[in-house]
Amino acid sequence: FFLSRRTPLHFYTPPKMSTPTTFWRLAGMTYMNYVTRATHSLRSALKEPAKTKAFANSAISYNRSTFDNAVQGAKKEVTKLGQAGK
């Protein structure tokens, strides 16, 4: 069943579930997809200068370091997934 803008809501019947679940699962999304879309929507709705600051904070990086005798070594930025566990 396709739900469009013109379909009145009283014609739409949600699928019946035997166990309760979250709406993002019903939409066929993973949790990470849901969180990514929600945060992007929230950041897009902000006004300047908060919008620019929020998008600047959305960039992430991954660092790794080794431990020898319970002492943390130097941190190195991981640029490729293959480097993550080494």
PDB file of N, CA and C in Angstrom:
ATOM      1  N   PHE A   1       0.832  -1.171   0.000  1.00  0.00           N
ATOM      2  CA  PHE A   1       0.000   0.000   0.000  1.00  0.00           C
ATOM      3  C   PHE A   1       0.875   1.232   0.000  1.00  0.00           C
ATOM      4  N   PHE A   2       0.660   2.152  -0.901  1.00  0.00           N
ATOM      5  CA  PHE A   2       1.463   3.360  -1.023  1.00  0.00           C
ATOM      6  C   PHE A   2       0.739   4.525  -0.381  1.00  0.00           C
ATOM      7  N   LEU A   3       1.395   5.201   0.543  1.00  0.00           N
ATOM      8  CA  LEU A   3       0.822   6.345   1.225  1.00  0.00           C
ATOM      9  C   LEU A   3       1.419   7.618   0.635  1.00  0.00           C
ATOM     10  N   SER A   4       0.603   8.418   0.009  1.00  0.00           N
ATOM     11  CA  SER A   4       1.087   9.668  -0.573  1.00  0.00           C
ATOM     12  C   SER A   4       0.480  10.842   0.178  1.00  0.00           C
ATOM     13  N   ARG A   5       0.845  12.043  -0.230  1.00  0.00           N
ATOM     14  CA  ARG A   5       0.293  13.239   0.416  1.00  0.00           C
ATOM     15  C   ARG A   5      -1.218  13.324   0.240  1.00  0.00           C
ATOM     16  N   ARG A   6      -1.692  12.824  -0.864  1.00  0.00           N
ATOM     17  CA  ARG A   6      -3.121  12.950  -1.173  1.00  0.00           C
ATOM     18  C   ARG A   6      -3.967  11.836  -0.577  1.00  0.00           C
ATOM     19  N   THR A   7      -3.337  10.821  -0.027  1.00  0.00           N
ATOM     20  CA  THR A   7      -4.091   9.724   0.567  1.00  0.00           C
ATOM     21  C   THR A   7      -4.586  10.165   1.941  1.00  0.00           C
ATOM     22  N   PRO A   8      -5.896  10.173   2.147  1.00  0.00           N
ATOM     23  CA  PRO A   8      -6.404  10.520   3.484  1.00  0.00           C
ATOM     24  C   PRO A   8      -5.907   9.501   4.509  1.00  0.00           C
ATOM     25  N   LEU A   9      -5.568   9.977   5.692  1.00  0.00           N
ATOM     26  CA  LEU A   9      -5.010   9.098   6.704  1.00  0.00           C
ATOM     27  C   LEU A   9      -5.982   8.029   7.175  1.00  0.00           C
ATOM     28  N   HIS A  10      -7.293   8.266   7.074  1.00  0.00           N
ATOM     29  CA  HIS A  10      -8.235   7.245   7.538  1.00  0.00           C
ATOM     30  C   HIS A  10      -8.266   6.038   6.595  1.00  0.00           C
ATOM     31  N   PHE A  11      -7.665   6.140   5.407  1.00  0.00           N
ATOM     32  CA  PHE A  11      -7.581   4.990   4.505  1.00  0.00           C
ATOM     33  C   PHE A  11      -6.338   4.150   4.763  1.00  0.00           C
ATOM     34  N   TYR A  12      -5.368   4.724   5.452  1.00  0.00           N
ATOM     35  CA  TYR A  12      -4.128   4.008   5.717  1.00  0.00           C
ATOM     36  C   TYR A  12      -4.267   3.158   6.973  1.00  0.00           C
ATOM     37  N   THR A  13      -3.983   1.880   6.841  1.00  0.00           N
ATOM     38  CA  THR A  13      -3.998   0.982   7.986  1.00  0.00           C
ATOM     39  C   THR A  13      -2.583   0.484   8.210  1.00  0.00           C
ATOM     40  N   PRO A  14      -1.985   0.823   9.364  1.00  0.00           N
ATOM     41  CA  PRO A  14      -0.622   0.362   9.596  1.00  0.00           C
ATOM     42  C   PRO A  14      -0.570  -1.152   9.732  1.00  0.00           C
ATOM     43  N   PRO A  15       0.563  -1.764   9.424  1.00  0.00           N
ATOM     44  CA  PRO A  15       0.654  -3.217   9.529  1.00  0.00           C
ATOM     45  C   PRO A  15       0.490  -3.674  10.971  1.00  0.00           C
ATOM     46  N   LYS A  16      -0.185  -4.789  11.145  1.00  0.00           N
ATOM     47  CA  LYS A  16      -0.396  -5.321  12.488  1.00  0.00           C
ATOM     48  C   LYS A  16       0.845  -6.095  12.904  1.00  0.00           C
ATOM     49  N   MET A  17       1.278  -5.853  14.116  1.00  0.00           N
ATOM     50  CA  MET A  17       2.479  -6.492  14.636  1.00  0.00           C
ATOM     51  C   MET A  17       2.106  -7.342  15.839  1.00  0.00           C
ATOM     52  N   SER A  18       2.734  -8.496  15.939  1.00  0.00           N
ATOM     53  CA  SER A  18       2.471  -9.352  17.091  1.00  0.00           C
ATOM     54  C   SER A  18       3.233  -8.873  18.322  1.00  0.00           C
ATOM     55  N   THR A  19       4.356  -8.171  18.110  1.00  0.00           N
ATOM     56  CA  THR A  19       5.122  -7.625  19.228  1.00  0.00           C
ATOM     57  C   THR A  19       5.377  -6.151  18.972  1.00  0.00           C
ATOM     58  N   PRO A  20       5.444  -5.354  20.033  1.00  0.00           N
ATOM     59  CA  PRO A  20       5.726  -3.929  19.835  1.00  0.00           C
ATOM     60  C   PRO A  20       7.133  -3.715  19.284  1.00  0.00           C
ATOM     61  N   THR A  21       7.285  -2.690  18.475  1.00  0.00           N
ATOM     62  CA  THR A  21       8.593  -2.370  17.913  1.00  0.00           C
ATOM     63  C   THR A  21       8.688  -0.862  17.713  1.00  0.00           C
ATOM     64  N   THR A  22       9.823  -0.400  17.304  1.00  0.00           N
ATOM     65  CA  THR A  22      10.021   1.027  17.097  1.00  0.00           C
ATOM     66  C   THR A  22       9.614   1.425  15.684  1.00  0.00           C
ATOM     67  N   PHE A  23       9.273   2.705  15.524  1.00  0.00           N
ATOM     68  CA  PHE A  23       8.779   3.155  14.223  1.00  0.00           C
ATOM     69  C   PHE A  23       9.852   3.123  13.152  1.00  0.00           C
ATOM     70  N   TRP A  24      11.120   3.311  13.516  1.00  0.00           N
ATOM     71  CA  TRP A  24      12.163   3.273  12.486  1.00  0.00           C
ATOM     72  C   TRP A  24      12.340   1.873  11.937  1.00  0.00           C
ATOM     73  N   ARG A  25      12.074   0.852  12.742  1.00  0.00           N
ATOM     74  CA  ARG A  25      12.106  -0.521  12.215  1.00  0.00           C
ATOM     75  C   ARG A  25      10.937  -0.755  11.261  1.00  0.00           C
ATOM     76  N   LEU A  26       9.782  -0.207  11.614  1.00  0.00           N
ATOM     77  CA  LEU A  26       8.623  -0.338  10.734  1.00  0.00           C
ATOM     78  C   LEU A  26       8.870   0.336   9.390  1.00  0.00           C
ATOM     79  N   ALA A  27       9.665   1.388   9.392  1.00  0.00           N
ATOM     80  CA  ALA A  27       9.987   2.100   8.152  1.00  0.00           C
ATOM     81  C   ALA A  27      11.083   1.401   7.359  1.00  0.00           C
ATOM     82  N   GLY A  28      11.636   0.311   7.903  1.00  0.00           N
ATOM     83  CA  GLY A  28      12.669  -0.433   7.195  1.00  0.00           C
ATOM     84  C   GLY A  28      14.043   0.198   7.312  1.00  0.00           C
ATOM     85  N   MET A  29      14.263   0.982   8.370  1.00  0.00           N
ATOM     86  CA  MET A  29      15.540   1.667   8.558  1.00  0.00           C
ATOM     87  C   MET A  29      16.343   0.997   9.659  1.00  0.00           C
ATOM     88  N   THR A  30      17.648   1.175   9.619  1.00  0.00           N
ATOM     89  CA  THR A  30      18.478   0.772  10.740  1.00  0.00           C
ATOM     90  C   THR A  30      18.495   1.929  11.732  1.00  0.00           C
ATOM     91  N   TYR A  31      18.922   1.659  12.948  1.00  0.00           N
ATOM     92  CA  TYR A  31      18.981   2.708  13.950  1.00  0.00           C
ATOM     93  C   TYR A  31      19.956   3.813  13.532  1.00  0.00           C
ATOM     94  N   MET A  32      21.086   3.429  12.941  1.00  0.00           N
ATOM     95  CA  MET A  32      22.054   4.426  12.512  1.00  0.00           C
ATOM     96  C   MET A  32      21.505   5.304  11.395  1.00  0.00           C
ATOM     97  N   ASN A  33      20.731   4.715  10.469  1.00  0.00           N
ATOM     98  CA  ASN A  33      20.075   5.510   9.427  1.00  0.00           C
ATOM     99  C   ASN A  33      19.123   6.521  10.051  1.00  0.00           C
ATOM    100  N   TYR A  34      18.340   6.062  11.019  1.00  0.00           N
ATOM    101  CA  TYR A  34      17.374   6.928  11.689  1.00  0.00           C
ATOM    102  C   TYR A  34      18.077   8.084  12.392  1.00  0.00           C
ATOM    103  N   VAL A  35      19.121   7.791  13.153  1.00  0.00           N
ATOM    104  CA  VAL A  35      19.844   8.825  13.892  1.00  0.00           C
ATOM    105  C   VAL A  35      20.495   9.814  12.935  1.00  0.00           C
ATOM    106  N   THR A  36      21.089   9.314  11.865  1.00  0.00           N
ATOM    107  CA  THR A  36      21.735  10.191  10.892  1.00  0.00           C
ATOM    108  C   THR A  36      20.726  11.134  10.250  1.00  0.00           C
ATOM    109  N   ARG A  37      19.589  10.617   9.856  1.00  0.00           N
ATOM    110  CA  ARG A  37      18.563  11.468   9.232  1.00  0.00           C
ATOM    111  C   ARG A  37      17.980  12.461  10.227  1.00  0.00           C
ATOM    112  N   ALA A  38      17.774  12.010  11.464  1.00  0.00           N
ATOM    113  CA  ALA A  38      17.204  12.898  12.477  1.00  0.00           C
ATOM    114  C   ALA A  38      18.153  14.045  12.810  1.00  0.00           C
ATOM    115  N   THR A  39      19.428  13.740  12.970  1.00  0.00           N
ATOM    116  CA  THR A  39      20.376  14.809  13.291  1.00  0.00           C
ATOM    117  C   THR A  39      20.562  15.768  12.122  1.00  0.00           C
ATOM    118  N   HIS A  40      20.554  15.241  10.898  1.00  0.00           N
ATOM    119  CA  HIS A  40      20.668  16.129   9.737  1.00  0.00           C
ATOM    120  C   HIS A  40      19.447  17.050   9.649  1.00  0.00           C
ATOM    121  N   SER A  41      18.266  16.503   9.894  1.00  0.00           N
ATOM    122  CA  SER A  41      17.049  17.326   9.855  1.00  0.00           C
ATOM    123  C   SER A  41      17.088  18.407  10.926  1.00  0.00           C
ATOM    124  N   LEU A  42      17.544  18.034  12.117  1.00  0.00           N
ATOM    125  CA  LEU A  42      17.624  18.997  13.204  1.00  0.00           C
ATOM    126  C   LEU A  42      18.629  20.098  12.891  1.00  0.00           C
ATOM    127  N   ARG A  43      19.792  19.724  12.401  1.00  0.00           N
ATOM    128  CA  ARG A  43      20.810  20.725  12.064  1.00  0.00           C
ATOM    129  C   ARG A  43      20.339  21.643  10.948  1.00  0.00           C
ATOM    130  N   SER A  44      19.613  21.095   9.981  1.00  0.00           N
ATOM    131  CA  SER A  44      19.119  21.911   8.866  1.00  0.00           C
ATOM    132  C   SER A  44      18.060  22.907   9.316  1.00  0.00           C
ATOM    133  N   ALA A  45      17.330  22.587  10.386  1.00  0.00           N
ATOM    134  CA  ALA A  45      16.256  23.460  10.858  1.00  0.00           C
ATOM    135  C   ALA A  45      16.771  24.625  11.703  1.00  0.00           C
ATOM    136  N   LEU A  46      18.011  24.566  12.141  1.00  0.00           N
ATOM    137  CA  LEU A  46      18.568  25.629  12.978  1.00  0.00           C
ATOM    138  C   LEU A  46      18.796  26.906  12.173  1.00  0.00           C
ATOM    139  N   LYS A  47      18.797  28.019  12.890  1.00  0.00           N
ATOM    140  CA  LYS A  47      19.107  29.305  12.266  1.00  0.00           C
ATOM    141  C   LYS A  47      20.579  29.602  12.463  1.00  0.00           C
ATOM    142  N   GLU A  48      21.110  30.485  11.622  1.00  0.00           N
ATOM    143  CA  GLU A  48      22.502  30.898  11.745  1.00  0.00           C
ATOM    144  C   GLU A  48      22.684  31.685  13.035  1.00  0.00           C
ATOM    145  N   PRO A  49      23.763  31.660  13.720  1.00  0.00           N
ATOM    146  CA  PRO A  49      25.026  30.971  13.495  1.00  0.00           C
ATOM    147  C   PRO A  49      25.047  29.552  14.070  1.00  0.00           C
ATOM    148  N   ALA A  50      23.970  29.150  14.754  1.00  0.00           N
ATOM    149  CA  ALA A  50      23.932  27.811  15.357  1.00  0.00           C
ATOM    150  C   ALA A  50      24.006  26.719  14.299  1.00  0.00           C
ATOM    151  N   LYS A  51      23.445  26.975  13.120  1.00  0.00           N
ATOM    152  CA  LYS A  51      23.443  25.985  12.042  1.00  0.00           C
ATOM    153  C   LYS A  51      24.865  25.675  11.582  1.00  0.00           C
ATOM    154  N   THR A  52      25.664  26.708  11.351  1.00  0.00           N
ATOM    155  CA  THR A  52      27.045  26.516  10.915  1.00  0.00           C
ATOM    156  C   THR A  52      27.855  25.790  11.977  1.00  0.00           C
ATOM    157  N   LYS A  53      27.653  26.162  13.234  1.00  0.00           N
ATOM    158  CA  LYS A  53      28.375  25.524  14.328  1.00  0.00           C
ATOM    159  C   LYS A  53      27.982  24.052  14.466  1.00  0.00           C
ATOM    160  N   ALA A  54      26.692  23.746  14.310  1.00  0.00           N
ATOM    161  CA  ALA A  54      26.229  22.362  14.428  1.00  0.00           C
ATOM    162  C   ALA A  54      26.786  21.492  13.308  1.00  0.00           C
ATOM    163  N   PHE A  55      26.812  22.005  12.082  1.00  0.00           N
ATOM    164  CA  PHE A  55      27.359  21.226  10.969  1.00  0.00           C
ATOM    165  C   PHE A  55      28.874  21.052  11.097  1.00  0.00           C
ATOM    166  N   ALA A  56      29.552  22.029  11.681  1.00  0.00           N
ATOM    167  CA  ALA A  56      30.991  21.894  11.901  1.00  0.00           C
ATOM    168  C   ALA A  56      31.277  20.806  12.931  1.00  0.00           C
ATOM    169  N   ASN A  57      30.406  20.672  13.919  1.00  0.00           N
ATOM    170  CA  ASN A  57      30.579  19.646  14.952  1.00  0.00           C
ATOM    171  C   ASN A  57      30.198  18.255  14.470  1.00  0.00           C
ATOM    172  N   SER A  58      29.560  18.150  13.317  1.00  0.00           N
ATOM    173  CA  SER A  58      29.111  16.843  12.839  1.00  0.00           C
ATOM    174  C   SER A  58      30.241  16.018  12.228  1.00  0.00           C
ATOM    175  N   ALA A  59      31.352  16.656  11.898  1.00  0.00           N
ATOM    176  CA  ALA A  59      32.495  15.925  11.343  1.00  0.00           C
ATOM    177  C   ALA A  59      33.163  15.136  12.456  1.00  0.00           C
ATOM    178  N   ILE A  60      33.425  13.851  12.210  1.00  0.00           N
ATOM    179  CA  ILE A  60      34.047  13.010  13.228  1.00  0.00           C
ATOM    180  C   ILE A  60      35.334  12.416  12.681  1.00  0.00           C
ATOM    181  N   SER A  61      36.184  12.014  13.587  1.00  0.00           N
ATOM    182  CA  SER A  61      37.404  11.317  13.196  1.00  0.00           C
ATOM    183  C   SER A  61      37.637  10.205  14.210  1.00  0.00           C
ATOM    184  N   TYR A  62      38.501   9.279  13.863  1.00  0.00           N
ATOM    185  CA  TYR A  62      38.776   8.130  14.701  1.00  0.00           C
ATOM    186  C   TYR A  62      40.276   8.054  14.940  1.00  0.00           C
ATOM    187  N   ASN A  63      40.658   7.998  16.203  1.00  0.00           N
ATOM    188  CA  ASN A  63      42.063   7.886  16.569  1.00  0.00           C
ATOM    189  C   ASN A  63      42.314   6.532  17.215  1.00  0.00           C
ATOM    190  N   ARG A  64      43.533   6.061  17.125  1.00  0.00           N
ATOM    191  CA  ARG A  64      43.905   4.818  17.794  1.00  0.00           C
ATOM    192  C   ARG A  64      45.224   5.032  18.511  1.00  0.00           C
ATOM    193  N   SER A  65      45.420   4.242  19.532  1.00  0.00           N
ATOM    194  CA  SER A  65      46.690   4.275  20.248  1.00  0.00           C
ATOM    195  C   SER A  65      46.918   2.900  20.861  1.00  0.00           C
ATOM    196  N   THR A  66      48.168   2.604  21.141  1.00  0.00           N
ATOM    197  CA  THR A  66      48.518   1.328  21.758  1.00  0.00           C
ATOM    198  C   THR A  66      48.874   1.549  23.220  1.00  0.00           C
ATOM    199  N   PHE A  67      48.733   0.501  24.000  1.00  0.00           N
ATOM    200  CA  PHE A  67      49.059   0.557  25.415  1.00  0.00           C
ATOM    201  C   PHE A  67      50.191  -0.421  25.696  1.00  0.00           C
ATOM    202  N   ASP A  68      51.223   0.036  26.364  1.00  0.00           N
ATOM    203  CA  ASP A  68      52.332  -0.806  26.807  1.00  0.00           C
ATOM    204  C   ASP A  68      52.509  -0.609  28.303  1.00  0.00           C
ATOM    205  N   ASN A  69      52.389  -1.691  29.045  1.00  0.00           N
ATOM    206  CA  ASN A  69      52.521  -1.635  30.508  1.00  0.00           C
ATOM    207  C   ASN A  69      51.590  -0.588  31.119  1.00  0.00           C
ATOM    208  N   ALA A  70      50.353  -0.591  30.680  1.00  0.00           N
ATOM    209  CA  ALA A  70      49.306   0.305  31.187  1.00  0.00           C
ATOM    210  C   ALA A  70      49.591   1.776  30.925  1.00  0.00           C
ATOM    211  N   VAL A  71      50.422   2.083  29.921  1.00  0.00           N
ATOM    212  CA  VAL A  71      50.711   3.467  29.540  1.00  0.00           C
ATOM    213  C   VAL A  71      50.266   3.647  28.095  1.00  0.00           C
ATOM    214  N   GLN A  72      49.428   4.668  27.892  1.00  0.00           N
ATOM    215  CA  GLN A  72      48.923   4.924  26.547  1.00  0.00           C
ATOM    216  C   GLN A  72      49.989   5.545  25.672  1.00  0.00           C
ATOM    217  N   GLY A  73      50.134   4.999  24.459  1.00  0.00           N
ATOM    218  CA  GLY A  73      51.083   5.535  23.496  1.00  0.00           C
ATOM    219  C   GLY A  73      50.504   6.719  22.754  1.00  0.00           C
ATOM    220  N   ALA A  74      51.211   7.192  21.760  1.00  0.00           N
ATOM    221  CA  ALA A  74      50.771   8.342  20.965  1.00  0.00           C
ATOM    222  C   ALA A  74      49.530   7.989  20.152  1.00  0.00           C
ATOM    223  N   LYS A  75      48.644   8.971  20.007  1.00  0.00           N
ATOM    224  CA  LYS A  75      47.440   8.780  19.212  1.00  0.00           C
ATOM    225  C   LYS A  75      47.764   8.988  17.740  1.00  0.00           C
ATOM    226  N   LYS A  76      47.183   8.129  16.895  1.00  0.00           N
ATOM    227  CA  LYS A  76      47.344   8.243  15.449  1.00  0.00           C
ATOM    228  C   LYS A  76      45.973   8.242  14.810  1.00  0.00           C
ATOM    229  N   GLU A  77      45.748   9.161  13.879  1.00  0.00           N
ATOM    230  CA  GLU A  77      44.442   9.243  13.223  1.00  0.00           C
ATOM    231  C   GLU A  77      44.282   8.094  12.230  1.00  0.00           C
ATOM    232  N   VAL A  78      43.102   7.497  12.236  1.00  0.00           N
ATOM    233  CA  VAL A  78      42.785   6.403  11.319  1.00  0.00           C
ATOM    234  C   VAL A  78      42.068   7.018  10.116  1.00  0.00           C
ATOM    235  N   THR A  79      42.647   6.831   8.930  1.00  0.00           N
ATOM    236  CA  THR A  79      42.054   7.374   7.712  1.00  0.00           C
ATOM    237  C   THR A  79      41.395   6.309   6.853  1.00  0.00           C
ATOM    238  N   LYS A  80      41.755   5.041   7.076  1.00  0.00           N
ATOM    239  CA  LYS A  80      41.154   3.940   6.334  1.00  0.00           C
ATOM    240  C   LYS A  80      40.682   2.883   7.317  1.00  0.00           C
ATOM    241  N   LEU A  81      39.605   2.215   6.988  1.00  0.00           N
ATOM    242  CA  LEU A  81      39.029   1.227   7.879  1.00  0.00           C
ATOM    243  C   LEU A  81      40.006   0.102   8.196  1.00  0.00           C
ATOM    244  N   GLY A  82      40.856  -0.255   7.262  1.00  0.00           N
ATOM    245  CA  GLY A  82      41.824  -1.331   7.489  1.00  0.00           C
ATOM    246  C   GLY A  82      42.853  -1.013   8.561  1.00  0.00           C
ATOM    247  N   GLN A  83      43.028   0.265   8.878  1.00  0.00           N
ATOM    248  CA  GLN A  83      43.991   0.655   9.902  1.00  0.00           C
ATOM    249  C   GLN A  83      43.406   0.595  11.307  1.00  0.00           C
ATOM    250  N   ALA A  84      42.114   0.456  11.441  1.00  0.00           N
ATOM    251  CA  ALA A  84      41.429   0.608  12.734  1.00  0.00           C
ATOM    252  C   ALA A  84      41.918  -0.377  13.785  1.00  0.00           C
ATOM    253  N   GLY A  85      42.123  -1.624  13.462  1.00  0.00           N
ATOM    254  CA  GLY A  85      42.480  -2.607  14.461  1.00  0.00           C
ATOM    255  C   GLY A  85      43.961  -2.869  14.569  1.00  0.00           C
ATOM    256  N   LYS A  86      44.781  -2.146  13.883  1.00  0.00           N
ATOM    257  CA  LYS A  86      46.227  -2.427  13.876  1.00  0.00           C
ATOM    258  C   LYS A  86      46.984  -1.498  14.790  1.00  0.00           C
TER     259      LYS A  86
END
